Amino acid sequence: MKKIFKILIIIFLVFLFFGCDETQNENGAKALKNQVCFHPLPEGVEEFQEAEVYIGNNRLPLYSVLVNTSQVWTPDDYKRKASGVGYFELDGKVEVTVKLPYDINYKSKLRPLSAGIIPVANLEERSLTFEISSTGNYVLEINGDISRTIHFFVSEITKEKFKPDTEKYLYFEPGIHTKDNNSLIDQNNQITLTSNTTVFLAPGAVVRGRFYARDAEEIKILGKGIISGSTFERNARTGSATIPIDFNNCRNVHLSDFSILDPAGWAVNFYFIENSKIENLKIITSRSNGDGISIQSCKGITVDGCFVRSWDDGLVVKNYPRWENHSVHGETKNIVFSNCTLWTDLAQAMEIGYETVGKVMENIKFSNITVLHALHKPVISIHNGNNAEIKNVLWERITVEDASMGSGDAHGNDELIDFRVLYSENWSSQHTITSLGSIEDVVVKDVLILHGKKAPKITISGTYDKRDEYRTNHYVQNISLKNITYRNTILDENNIQLTIGNYVRNVTVVHDGKSLGAEFIFSKTPQELALYGDELIVGTSIYQ
């Protein structure tokens, strides 16, 4: 009887939310209904208390996540503050109202600015109102204060149940999952994945654990749930860490849609991975070595549509040797990052290096990337600290909304772009000792800086390796800088702050008058949105 009742409820919900799509608009024409779906917070998850968010008359639950507001690295004693995270699925357009318990002004912003959404402030009611009509990843900065933020992660509505296409299937339903209540998580807080396995994280699921795979293929982790590291220790002094996604020597991996909040270390570690993709992840880190997506000694990796707010490098590419045999060096090639949104509280936004053990590092591309804030070190960087021959690297259509590099303990390291071959006391000999390498055939084009403390610097430098066993020159060559614009000022060879060091050949700086940056990808055209009326249906998405 219970099973029949559940089936009837599901049929009713599907009919209610998706079966009746048309109403009459004010002109008498048929109009589509706007639809929004979200889930309540699981019991035991901390709720963000510093704001109330409403979609229509329905209150949107807000997860609380800690962000690190400091630009000074420390292994502990973090300066962290609660921030809000709201998730909802959308078809059409919706008005969002944010009610605050404190006075507001007219300086609030919703980023990325390219989405063109301007919050309307009601000072008397202490509220902000704005319309969202596209899927995407947004950050509301209340009163223009980057320490008072709410993240909105908006995805497409799920209209069909997920159907796994692998022989093994692990399902995490809404609610908190720990080693104490879910047998899939072992006593080391680990979910070990083997070949031909699909993991589905339902909306409203919060997994307190780490996913680990080694020597496996055809693995998928999908769904709109959350992997949370908030209860795990991160101690950079002792090395204690819990990496949420830790994959070693795997092929054909697919990660999609889920979030990683407050990991105890790196968020995603791909090590010797081939032919895999990462799409639409949402990552917020705030503790030491909180890199976002780390691609190490990998081939054929695509990263698309991700949001990464990190307290260390956001998107990073490295070469490592094999852990079990350091004489076997890594190879990295055919890596593509596209359509991502970054916020870098500490370290570099898009970094190649410092660890570059292995000759082959080539065909690496960053395209259509928006950097909301770069608060510490360079936005675009290559630091070749080992023997890699880094070549064929492209950055294109990059927007930096706030170029505030050089804050905190990065004072004096405020470059927008930093390309160097160098020996690093910290990183070059951590895993094995090698000669130094080279950097060549790098293009940076169509970069738009909207705001910054001062005009951006660019540093390019090779080196002479002074170590007795090497005594060799190492060059950076064939570097093209095209169409870099800073606050409506064209940066060309006459006014760019470019420092060229030793062992550099053939650097060109040109500007053809075009000021291009990243573009926001709207999920519907204006013509498609015009088909929707004012009626709003709010429900819970189908997940299983």
Protein backbone atom coordinates (compact mmCIF):
# COMPACT_ATOMS: atom_id res chain seq x y z
CA MET A 1 0.00 0.00 0.00
CA LYS A 2 2.84 2.39 0.89
CA LYS A 3 4.52 1.70 -2.47
CA ILE A 4 1.29 2.51 -4.38
CA PHE A 5 0.88 5.71 -2.35
CA LYS A 6 4.47 6.81 -3.17
CA ILE A 7 3.91 6.15 -6.89
CA LEU A 8 0.72 8.26 -6.82
CA ILE A 9 2.57 11.10 -5.09
CA ILE A 10 5.34 11.01 -7.71
CA ILE A 11 2.82 11.05 -10.55
CA PHE A 12 1.04 14.00 -8.92
CA LEU A 13 4.27 15.97 -8.48
CA VAL A 14 5.38 15.34 -12.06
CA PHE A 15 1.98 16.46 -13.35
CA LEU A 16 1.96 19.49 -11.06
CA PHE A 17 5.43 20.72 -11.94
CA PHE A 18 5.88 19.61 -15.52
CA GLY A 19 2.57 18.50 -16.97
CA CYS A 20 0.90 21.89 -17.28
CA ASP A 21 3.34 24.24 -18.96
CA GLU A 22 1.03 26.86 -20.46
CA THR A 23 -1.12 29.70 -19.01
CA GLN A 24 -2.52 32.96 -20.36
CA ASN A 25 -0.37 36.07 -20.17
CA GLU A 26 -1.68 39.62 -19.85
CA ASN A 27 -2.14 39.87 -23.63
CA GLY A 28 -4.20 36.73 -23.81
CA ALA A 29 -1.46 34.68 -25.49
CA LYS A 30 -0.26 31.37 -24.13
CA ALA A 31 2.74 31.67 -21.83
CA LEU A 32 5.06 29.13 -20.29
CA LYS A 33 5.19 28.82 -16.53
CA ASN A 34 8.40 29.60 -14.70
CA GLN A 35 9.55 26.63 -12.67
CA VAL A 36 11.96 26.44 -9.74
CA CYS A 37 13.02 23.41 -7.72
CA PHE A 38 15.08 23.19 -4.55
CA HIS A 39 15.50 20.97 -1.52
CA PRO A 40 15.42 21.63 2.23
CA LEU A 41 18.70 21.50 4.12
CA PRO A 42 19.37 18.03 5.54
CA GLU A 43 18.98 17.81 9.30
CA GLY A 44 22.36 18.46 10.94
CA VAL A 45 23.72 20.77 8.22
CA GLU A 46 24.59 24.28 9.35
CA GLU A 47 22.35 26.98 7.87
CA PHE A 48 23.60 30.43 6.88
CA GLN A 49 21.95 32.85 9.31
CA GLU A 50 23.04 36.27 8.04
CA ALA A 51 20.39 36.62 5.35
CA GLU A 52 17.02 35.33 4.20
CA VAL A 53 16.52 34.60 0.51
CA TYR A 54 13.12 34.28 -1.13
CA ILE A 55 12.14 33.04 -4.57
CA GLY A 56 8.68 34.43 -4.99
CA ASN A 57 7.14 33.79 -1.58
CA ASN A 58 9.23 30.70 -0.93
CA ARG A 59 12.30 30.84 1.30
CA LEU A 60 15.40 29.34 -0.28
CA PRO A 61 17.53 27.30 2.15
CA LEU A 62 21.11 28.56 2.46
CA TYR A 63 24.03 26.32 3.33
CA SER A 64 26.73 27.88 5.47
CA VAL A 65 30.29 27.48 4.21
CA LEU A 66 33.46 29.05 5.57
CA VAL A 67 35.55 31.22 3.25
CA ASN A 68 39.02 32.53 4.03
CA THR A 69 39.22 36.32 3.92
CA SER A 70 43.00 36.47 4.47
CA GLN A 71 45.70 36.84 1.84
CA VAL A 72 48.38 35.61 4.25
CA TRP A 73 49.20 31.91 4.08
CA THR A 74 49.17 29.98 7.33
CA PRO A 75 49.02 26.24 8.08
CA ASP A 76 46.33 26.88 10.67
CA ASP A 77 44.73 29.73 12.64
CA TYR A 78 42.65 30.60 9.59
CA LYS A 79 40.74 33.85 9.26
CA ARG A 80 37.49 32.40 8.06
CA LYS A 81 33.97 33.77 7.84
CA ALA A 82 30.62 32.18 7.07
CA SER A 83 29.21 32.68 3.60
CA GLY A 84 25.91 31.54 2.15
CA VAL A 85 25.33 29.02 -0.64
CA GLY A 86 21.92 28.68 -2.26
CA TYR A 87 21.06 25.99 -4.83
CA PHE A 88 18.07 25.91 -7.12
CA GLU A 89 17.03 24.52 -10.47
CA LEU A 90 15.41 26.86 -12.97
CA ASP A 91 13.32 26.84 -16.11
CA GLY A 92 12.36 30.38 -17.11
CA LYS A 93 12.99 33.42 -14.94
CA VAL A 94 12.57 34.20 -11.29
CA GLU A 95 12.73 37.16 -8.93
CA VAL A 96 15.07 36.72 -6.00
CA THR A 97 14.76 38.81 -2.83
CA VAL A 98 17.50 38.93 -0.20
CA LYS A 99 16.52 40.28 3.22
CA LEU A 100 19.32 41.45 5.52
CA PRO A 101 19.45 42.01 9.29
CA TYR A 102 21.61 45.13 8.88
CA ASP A 103 21.58 48.40 6.95
CA ILE A 104 22.40 48.29 3.27
CA ASN A 105 23.53 50.74 0.62
CA TYR A 106 23.43 50.95 -3.17
CA LYS A 107 26.83 49.31 -3.75
CA SER A 108 25.80 45.65 -3.88
CA LYS A 109 26.92 43.68 -6.92
CA LEU A 110 25.95 40.38 -8.46
CA ARG A 111 28.90 38.79 -10.24
CA PRO A 112 29.84 37.90 -12.88
CA LEU A 113 29.13 41.37 -14.17
CA SER A 114 28.78 40.02 -17.71
CA ALA A 115 25.46 38.45 -16.66
CA GLY A 116 24.11 42.00 -16.54
CA ILE A 117 22.13 41.59 -13.30
CA ILE A 118 21.91 44.66 -11.06
CA PRO A 119 20.47 44.22 -7.55
CA VAL A 120 17.85 46.82 -6.62
CA ALA A 121 18.23 47.99 -3.03
CA ASN A 122 15.35 48.92 -0.73
CA LEU A 123 17.11 50.74 2.09
CA GLU A 124 14.03 50.99 4.28
CA GLU A 125 13.25 47.28 4.09
CA ARG A 126 16.95 46.32 4.02
CA SER A 127 16.44 44.10 1.02
CA LEU A 128 17.94 43.45 -2.42
CA THR A 129 15.92 42.25 -5.39
CA PHE A 130 17.09 40.95 -8.76
CA GLU A 131 15.96 38.65 -11.54
CA ILE A 132 17.80 35.49 -12.58
CA SER A 133 16.83 34.12 -15.98
CA SER A 134 19.72 31.82 -16.77
CA THR A 135 21.47 28.89 -15.24
CA GLY A 136 24.91 29.84 -13.97
CA ASN A 137 27.09 30.49 -10.95
CA TYR A 138 26.64 33.85 -9.25
CA VAL A 139 28.01 35.66 -6.21
CA LEU A 140 26.15 38.46 -4.45
CA GLU A 141 28.43 40.94 -2.69
CA ILE A 142 26.31 42.83 -0.20
CA ASN A 143 27.11 46.54 0.09
CA GLY A 144 30.03 45.94 -2.24
CA ASP A 145 31.79 44.10 0.60
CA ILE A 146 33.58 40.95 -0.55
CA SER A 147 33.49 39.58 2.99
CA ARG A 148 29.66 39.54 2.89
CA THR A 149 28.70 37.13 0.15
CA ILE A 150 26.03 34.68 -0.94
CA HIS A 151 26.76 32.20 -3.71
CA PHE A 152 23.90 31.14 -6.00
CA PHE A 153 24.42 27.96 -8.01
CA VAL A 154 21.60 27.71 -10.55
CA SER A 155 21.20 24.60 -12.71
CA GLU A 156 18.73 23.18 -15.18
CA ILE A 157 15.63 21.45 -13.86
CA THR A 158 15.86 17.67 -13.73
CA LYS A 159 12.79 16.30 -15.48
CA GLU A 160 13.69 12.62 -15.68
CA LYS A 161 15.04 10.13 -13.19
CA PHE A 162 18.71 9.33 -13.56
CA LYS A 163 19.45 5.98 -15.18
CA PRO A 164 22.97 4.59 -14.64
CA ASP A 165 24.71 3.00 -17.61
CA THR A 166 27.43 1.12 -15.75
CA GLU A 167 27.30 -2.26 -14.04
CA LYS A 168 27.86 -0.84 -10.54
CA TYR A 169 25.78 2.00 -9.11
CA LEU A 170 26.18 3.84 -5.79
CA TYR A 171 23.35 6.14 -4.78
CA PHE A 172 23.43 8.81 -2.07
CA GLU A 173 19.94 10.03 -1.26
CA PRO A 174 19.10 13.42 0.34
CA GLY A 175 20.52 13.69 3.85
CA ILE A 176 23.91 13.54 5.55
CA HIS A 177 26.11 10.52 4.81
CA THR A 178 29.00 9.59 7.11
CA LYS A 179 30.95 6.49 8.00
CA ASP A 180 28.59 6.09 10.96
CA ASN A 181 25.38 5.84 8.95
CA ASN A 182 26.38 4.66 5.46
CA SER A 183 28.16 1.39 4.81
CA LEU A 184 29.54 2.71 1.51
CA ILE A 185 31.92 4.89 3.54
CA ASP A 186 34.66 2.96 5.34
CA GLN A 187 36.21 3.77 8.72
CA ASN A 188 38.81 5.96 7.00
CA ASN A 189 35.97 8.10 5.59
CA GLN A 190 36.70 6.71 2.12
CA ILE A 191 34.50 5.48 -0.72
CA THR A 192 36.73 3.32 -2.92
CA LEU A 193 35.58 3.17 -6.54
CA THR A 194 36.42 0.42 -9.02
CA SER A 195 35.99 0.20 -12.78
CA ASN A 196 32.54 0.59 -14.35
CA THR A 197 31.00 2.40 -11.39
CA THR A 198 28.56 5.31 -11.37
CA VAL A 199 28.01 7.39 -8.24
CA PHE A 200 24.92 9.60 -8.05
CA LEU A 201 24.72 12.37 -5.46
CA ALA A 202 21.09 13.41 -5.22
CA PRO A 203 20.16 17.06 -4.65
CA GLY A 204 20.09 17.52 -0.89
CA ALA A 205 22.71 14.82 -0.29
CA VAL A 206 25.75 15.79 1.80
CA VAL A 207 28.57 13.24 1.78
CA ARG A 208 31.21 13.59 4.48
CA GLY A 209 33.89 11.45 2.94
CA ARG A 210 36.40 11.13 0.11
CA PHE A 211 36.11 9.31 -3.21
CA TYR A 212 39.23 7.36 -4.16
CA ALA A 213 40.08 5.36 -7.26
CA ARG A 214 43.30 3.77 -8.49
CA ASP A 215 44.02 1.77 -11.65
CA ALA A 216 40.39 1.96 -12.76
CA GLU A 217 38.33 3.12 -15.75
CA GLU A 218 34.80 4.13 -16.67
CA ILE A 219 34.00 5.92 -13.41
CA LYS A 220 31.32 8.59 -13.04
CA ILE A 221 30.38 10.83 -10.12
CA LEU A 222 27.25 12.76 -11.06
CA GLY A 223 24.39 14.63 -9.45
CA LYS A 224 23.75 17.91 -7.64
CA GLY A 225 24.68 16.86 -4.13
CA ILE A 226 27.57 18.04 -1.96
CA ILE A 227 30.85 16.54 -0.80
CA SER A 228 31.70 18.31 2.45
CA GLY A 229 35.06 18.32 4.20
CA SER A 230 34.01 20.60 7.06
CA THR A 231 34.31 17.92 9.76
CA PHE A 232 37.78 16.72 8.73
CA GLU A 233 41.09 17.98 10.07
CA ARG A 234 43.45 19.86 7.79
CA ASN A 235 46.84 20.25 9.46
CA ALA A 236 49.60 21.43 7.14
CA ARG A 237 52.15 20.88 9.91
CA THR A 238 51.43 17.15 10.25
CA GLY A 239 50.15 16.53 6.70
CA SER A 240 46.66 15.57 7.84
CA ALA A 241 44.26 16.00 4.91
CA THR A 242 41.17 14.45 3.33
CA ILE A 243 41.03 14.98 -0.45
CA PRO A 244 37.40 14.74 -1.69
CA ILE A 245 38.28 13.51 -5.19
CA ASP A 246 41.57 11.61 -5.30
CA PHE A 247 42.07 9.59 -8.49
CA ASN A 248 45.30 7.87 -9.49
CA ASN A 249 46.13 6.19 -12.81
CA CYS A 250 42.59 6.05 -14.19
CA ARG A 251 40.94 6.43 -17.58
CA ASN A 252 37.57 7.70 -18.76
CA VAL A 253 36.47 9.51 -15.62
CA HIS A 254 33.46 11.83 -15.66
CA LEU A 255 32.70 14.28 -12.84
CA SER A 256 29.61 16.45 -13.20
CA ASP A 257 27.36 18.93 -11.36
CA PHE A 258 28.15 18.32 -7.68
CA SER A 259 29.76 20.68 -5.16
CA ILE A 260 32.83 20.40 -2.98
CA LEU A 261 32.61 22.64 0.09
CA ASP A 262 35.40 23.27 2.61
CA PRO A 263 37.71 20.39 1.63
CA ALA A 264 40.51 19.50 4.05
CA GLY A 265 43.18 20.10 1.38
CA TRP A 266 42.95 20.02 -2.41
CA ALA A 267 39.46 19.65 -3.87
CA VAL A 268 40.10 17.57 -7.02
CA ASN A 269 43.32 15.62 -7.50
CA PHE A 270 43.76 14.03 -10.94
CA TYR A 271 47.08 12.16 -11.07
CA PHE A 272 48.06 10.22 -14.21
CA ILE A 273 44.49 10.37 -15.56
CA GLU A 274 43.60 10.07 -19.25
CA ASN A 275 40.61 10.90 -21.48
CA SER A 276 38.36 12.37 -18.79
CA LYS A 277 36.10 15.35 -18.20
CA ILE A 278 35.08 17.56 -15.32
CA GLU A 279 32.03 19.77 -15.80
CA ASN A 280 29.85 22.11 -13.78
CA LEU A 281 31.54 21.47 -10.42
CA LYS A 282 31.16 24.09 -7.69
CA ILE A 283 34.14 24.34 -5.37
CA ILE A 284 34.78 26.55 -2.32
CA THR A 285 37.99 26.04 -0.31
CA SER A 286 39.40 27.97 2.64
CA ARG A 287 42.22 25.97 4.25
CA SER A 288 45.89 25.45 3.43
CA ASN A 289 46.65 23.82 0.08
CA GLY A 290 43.05 24.41 -0.90
CA ASP A 291 43.72 24.10 -4.63
CA GLY A 292 40.59 23.82 -6.74
CA ILE A 293 41.19 21.50 -9.68
CA SER A 294 44.69 19.99 -9.90
CA ILE A 295 45.59 18.22 -13.15
CA GLN A 296 48.87 16.35 -12.73
CA SER A 297 50.66 14.24 -15.33
CA CYS A 298 47.40 13.86 -17.25
CA LYS A 299 46.40 13.56 -20.91
CA GLY A 300 43.18 14.45 -22.64
CA ILE A 301 41.34 16.28 -19.84
CA THR A 302 38.53 18.81 -20.32
CA VAL A 303 37.28 21.06 -17.52
CA ASP A 304 34.17 23.01 -18.44
CA GLY A 305 31.69 25.30 -16.70
CA CYS A 306 33.14 25.01 -13.20
CA PHE A 307 33.05 27.54 -10.36
CA VAL A 308 36.17 27.58 -8.20
CA ARG A 309 36.68 29.85 -5.19
CA SER A 310 39.98 28.75 -3.70
CA TRP A 311 42.45 29.49 -0.93
CA ASP A 312 45.32 28.35 -3.14
CA ASP A 313 45.67 27.89 -6.89
CA GLY A 314 42.32 27.72 -8.67
CA LEU A 315 43.06 25.77 -11.86
CA VAL A 316 46.52 24.20 -11.79
CA VAL A 317 48.51 21.93 -14.10
CA LYS A 318 51.60 20.06 -12.87
CA ASN A 319 53.90 17.21 -13.85
CA TYR A 320 54.94 14.71 -11.22
CA PRO A 321 56.91 11.47 -11.26
CA ARG A 322 55.26 8.21 -10.34
CA TRP A 323 55.05 7.96 -6.57
CA GLU A 324 56.14 4.31 -6.64
CA ASN A 325 59.07 4.99 -8.98
CA HIS A 326 60.41 8.54 -9.15
CA SER A 327 62.52 7.71 -12.18
CA VAL A 328 59.32 7.54 -14.26
CA HIS A 329 58.38 11.12 -15.06
CA GLY A 330 54.95 12.42 -15.96
CA GLU A 331 53.58 13.69 -19.25
CA THR A 332 50.93 16.36 -19.60
CA LYS A 333 49.17 17.21 -22.86
CA ASN A 334 45.84 18.15 -24.37
CA ILE A 335 44.35 19.88 -21.33
CA VAL A 336 41.45 22.30 -21.87
CA PHE A 337 39.80 24.58 -19.28
CA SER A 338 36.78 26.49 -20.59
CA ASN A 339 33.81 28.58 -19.44
CA CYS A 340 34.91 28.64 -15.79
CA THR A 341 34.37 31.25 -13.08
CA LEU A 342 37.16 31.76 -10.53
CA TRP A 343 37.64 33.65 -7.28
CA THR A 344 41.19 33.38 -5.95
CA ASP A 345 41.59 34.43 -2.32
CA LEU A 346 45.16 33.10 -2.18
CA ALA A 347 47.82 32.13 -4.75
CA GLN A 348 47.37 31.99 -8.53
CA ALA A 349 44.14 31.78 -10.50
CA MET A 350 45.46 29.72 -13.44
CA GLU A 351 48.87 28.16 -12.83
CA ILE A 352 51.20 25.79 -14.67
CA GLY A 353 53.87 24.62 -12.22
CA TYR A 354 55.92 24.86 -10.04
CA GLU A 355 56.35 21.08 -10.03
CA THR A 356 57.08 20.16 -13.66
CA VAL A 357 58.93 16.82 -13.55
CA GLY A 358 58.89 15.33 -17.05
CA LYS A 359 59.82 16.68 -20.46
CA VAL A 360 56.35 16.76 -22.01
CA MET A 361 53.94 19.54 -21.01
CA GLU A 362 52.13 20.77 -24.10
CA ASN A 363 48.83 21.76 -25.65
CA ILE A 364 47.28 23.43 -22.60
CA LYS A 365 44.41 25.84 -23.11
CA PHE A 366 42.39 28.23 -20.92
CA SER A 367 39.39 29.74 -22.73
CA ASN A 368 36.48 31.99 -21.72
CA ILE A 369 37.46 32.31 -18.07
CA THR A 370 36.06 34.96 -15.71
CA VAL A 371 38.08 35.82 -12.61
CA LEU A 372 35.81 37.59 -10.13
CA HIS A 373 38.63 38.48 -7.73
CA ALA A 374 42.37 37.87 -7.91
CA LEU A 375 43.55 39.00 -4.49
CA HIS A 376 47.00 37.51 -4.04
CA LYS A 377 49.33 36.34 -6.83
CA PRO A 378 49.24 36.38 -10.65
CA VAL A 379 46.13 35.53 -12.62
CA ILE A 380 48.04 33.86 -15.47
CA SER A 381 51.28 32.07 -14.64
CA ILE A 382 53.81 29.48 -15.74
CA HIS A 383 56.49 28.57 -13.21
CA ASN A 384 58.73 25.89 -14.66
CA GLY A 385 60.71 24.58 -11.71
CA ASN A 386 61.88 21.29 -13.24
CA ASN A 387 62.80 19.83 -16.61
CA ALA A 388 59.56 20.23 -18.59
CA GLU A 389 59.56 21.66 -22.09
CA ILE A 390 56.35 23.64 -21.71
CA LYS A 391 54.95 24.63 -25.09
CA ASN A 392 51.82 25.40 -27.07
CA VAL A 393 49.92 27.12 -24.25
CA LEU A 394 46.96 29.42 -24.87
CA TRP A 395 44.95 31.81 -22.73
CA GLU A 396 42.09 33.47 -24.61
CA ARG A 397 39.01 35.52 -23.72
CA ILE A 398 39.85 36.16 -20.08
CA THR A 399 38.02 38.73 -17.94
CA VAL A 400 39.41 39.85 -14.60
CA GLU A 401 36.71 41.79 -12.79
CA ASP A 402 38.92 42.70 -9.84
CA ALA A 403 42.69 42.59 -10.33
CA SER A 404 43.89 43.23 -6.76
CA MET A 405 46.99 41.07 -6.88
CA GLY A 406 49.72 41.78 -4.36
CA SER A 407 47.55 41.78 -1.24
CA GLY A 408 48.73 40.28 2.03
CA ASP A 409 52.00 38.37 1.96
CA ALA A 410 52.13 38.63 -1.86
CA HIS A 411 53.26 42.26 -1.61
CA GLY A 412 55.53 42.94 -4.56
CA ASN A 413 54.26 39.88 -6.45
CA ASP A 414 51.41 41.70 -8.15
CA GLU A 415 51.82 40.62 -11.76
CA LEU A 416 48.86 39.90 -13.98
CA ILE A 417 51.06 37.52 -16.00
CA ASP A 418 54.20 35.77 -14.75
CA PHE A 419 56.19 33.37 -16.97
CA ARG A 420 59.46 32.06 -15.55
CA VAL A 421 61.90 29.21 -15.67
CA LEU A 422 63.46 29.09 -12.23
CA TYR A 423 64.84 26.80 -9.58
CA SER A 424 62.65 26.89 -6.46
CA GLU A 425 64.07 25.93 -3.09
CA ASN A 426 60.57 24.93 -2.00
CA TRP A 427 59.30 22.99 -5.01
CA SER A 428 61.98 21.98 -7.53
CA SER A 429 63.50 19.13 -5.52
CA GLN A 430 60.52 17.91 -3.49
CA HIS A 431 60.05 14.72 -5.51
CA THR A 432 63.18 14.25 -7.57
CA ILE A 433 66.08 16.37 -8.79
CA THR A 434 66.10 17.32 -12.45
CA SER A 435 67.63 19.86 -14.76
CA LEU A 436 65.57 22.90 -15.66
CA GLY A 437 63.49 23.16 -18.82
CA SER A 438 61.98 25.79 -21.09
CA ILE A 439 58.81 27.71 -22.02
CA GLU A 440 57.90 28.41 -25.64
CA ASP A 441 55.01 29.19 -27.98
CA VAL A 442 52.63 30.83 -25.50
CA VAL A 443 49.75 33.07 -26.57
CA VAL A 444 47.75 35.32 -24.25
CA LYS A 445 45.01 37.19 -26.07
CA ASP A 446 41.76 39.04 -25.50
CA VAL A 447 42.24 39.82 -21.81
CA LEU A 448 39.96 42.42 -20.24
CA ILE A 449 40.69 43.84 -16.78
CA LEU A 450 37.68 45.76 -15.45
CA HIS A 451 39.13 47.03 -12.19
CA GLY A 452 42.41 46.94 -10.33
CA LYS A 453 44.50 48.78 -7.82
CA LYS A 454 46.95 49.76 -10.53
CA ALA A 455 47.92 48.93 -14.08
CA PRO A 456 48.90 45.26 -14.30
CA LYS A 457 52.47 44.07 -14.54
CA ILE A 458 53.84 41.32 -16.76
CA THR A 459 57.09 39.48 -16.03
CA ILE A 460 58.86 37.07 -18.39
CA SER A 461 62.20 35.53 -17.50
CA GLY A 462 64.43 32.55 -18.28
CA THR A 463 67.41 31.56 -16.19
CA TYR A 464 70.92 30.25 -15.98
CA ASP A 465 71.01 27.13 -13.83
CA LYS A 466 73.92 27.71 -11.43
CA ARG A 467 73.91 24.26 -9.88
CA ASP A 468 77.27 22.56 -10.38
CA GLU A 469 75.83 19.47 -12.04
CA TYR A 470 74.00 21.52 -14.72
CA ARG A 471 75.41 25.00 -15.54
CA THR A 472 73.02 25.54 -18.46
CA ASN A 473 70.84 28.28 -20.00
CA HIS A 474 67.06 27.90 -20.06
CA TYR A 475 64.92 30.06 -22.33
CA VAL A 476 61.44 31.52 -22.52
CA GLN A 477 60.65 32.26 -26.16
CA ASN A 478 57.92 33.01 -28.69
CA ILE A 479 55.50 34.75 -26.35
CA SER A 480 52.57 36.65 -27.91
CA LEU A 481 50.55 39.16 -25.87
CA LYS A 482 47.57 40.43 -27.86
CA ASN A 483 44.60 42.64 -27.00
CA ILE A 484 45.14 43.24 -23.28
CA THR A 485 42.89 46.06 -22.04
CA TYR A 486 42.95 47.62 -18.56
CA ARG A 487 39.97 49.79 -17.56
CA ASN A 488 39.34 50.96 -21.13
CA THR A 489 43.05 51.59 -21.70
CA ILE A 490 44.64 49.65 -24.52
CA LEU A 491 47.93 48.12 -23.39
CA ASP A 492 50.35 48.00 -26.29
CA GLU A 493 54.13 48.05 -26.62
CA ASN A 494 54.18 51.75 -25.73
CA ASN A 495 52.48 51.63 -22.33
CA ILE A 496 52.51 48.07 -21.05
CA GLN A 497 54.39 47.38 -17.79
CA LEU A 498 56.48 44.54 -19.16
CA THR A 499 59.63 43.28 -17.48
CA ILE A 500 61.76 40.98 -19.62
CA GLY A 501 64.54 39.17 -17.81
CA ASN A 502 67.50 37.22 -19.10
CA TYR A 503 67.26 34.30 -21.52
CA VAL A 504 64.09 35.55 -23.23
CA ARG A 505 63.57 35.57 -27.00
CA ASN A 506 60.85 36.96 -29.25
CA VAL A 507 58.15 38.60 -27.14
CA THR A 508 55.49 40.48 -29.11
CA VAL A 509 52.87 42.89 -27.77
CA VAL A 510 50.07 44.02 -30.08
CA HIS A 511 46.56 45.43 -29.84
CA ASP A 512 44.19 45.69 -32.78
CA GLY A 513 41.66 47.87 -30.98
CA LYS A 514 39.37 45.07 -29.86
CA SER A 515 38.62 44.83 -26.12
CA LEU A 516 37.37 41.30 -25.68
CA GLY A 517 37.06 39.21 -22.56
CA ALA A 518 35.03 36.27 -21.37
CA GLU A 519 31.35 36.08 -22.17
CA PHE A 520 28.55 34.86 -19.94
CA ILE A 521 26.80 31.87 -21.47
CA PHE A 522 23.05 32.38 -21.20
CA SER A 523 20.96 29.21 -21.11
CA LYS A 524 18.08 30.83 -23.03
CA THR A 525 17.87 33.50 -25.69
CA PRO A 526 15.78 36.66 -25.16
CA GLN A 527 13.28 35.24 -27.64
CA GLU A 528 12.94 32.05 -25.61
CA LEU A 529 12.52 33.98 -22.35
CA ALA A 530 9.78 36.09 -23.89
CA LEU A 531 7.62 32.96 -24.03
CA TYR A 532 7.42 32.83 -20.23
CA GLY A 533 4.77 34.62 -18.24
CA ASP A 534 4.69 35.67 -14.59
CA GLU A 535 3.35 32.48 -13.02
CA LEU A 536 5.83 30.59 -10.86
CA ILE A 537 5.74 26.94 -9.81
CA VAL A 538 8.03 25.92 -6.96
CA GLY A 539 8.70 22.30 -6.15
CA THR A 540 11.21 19.59 -5.43
CA SER A 541 13.27 18.11 -8.26
CA ILE A 542 13.05 14.50 -9.32
CA TYR A 543 16.17 12.68 -8.19
CA GLN A 544 15.45 8.96 -7.86
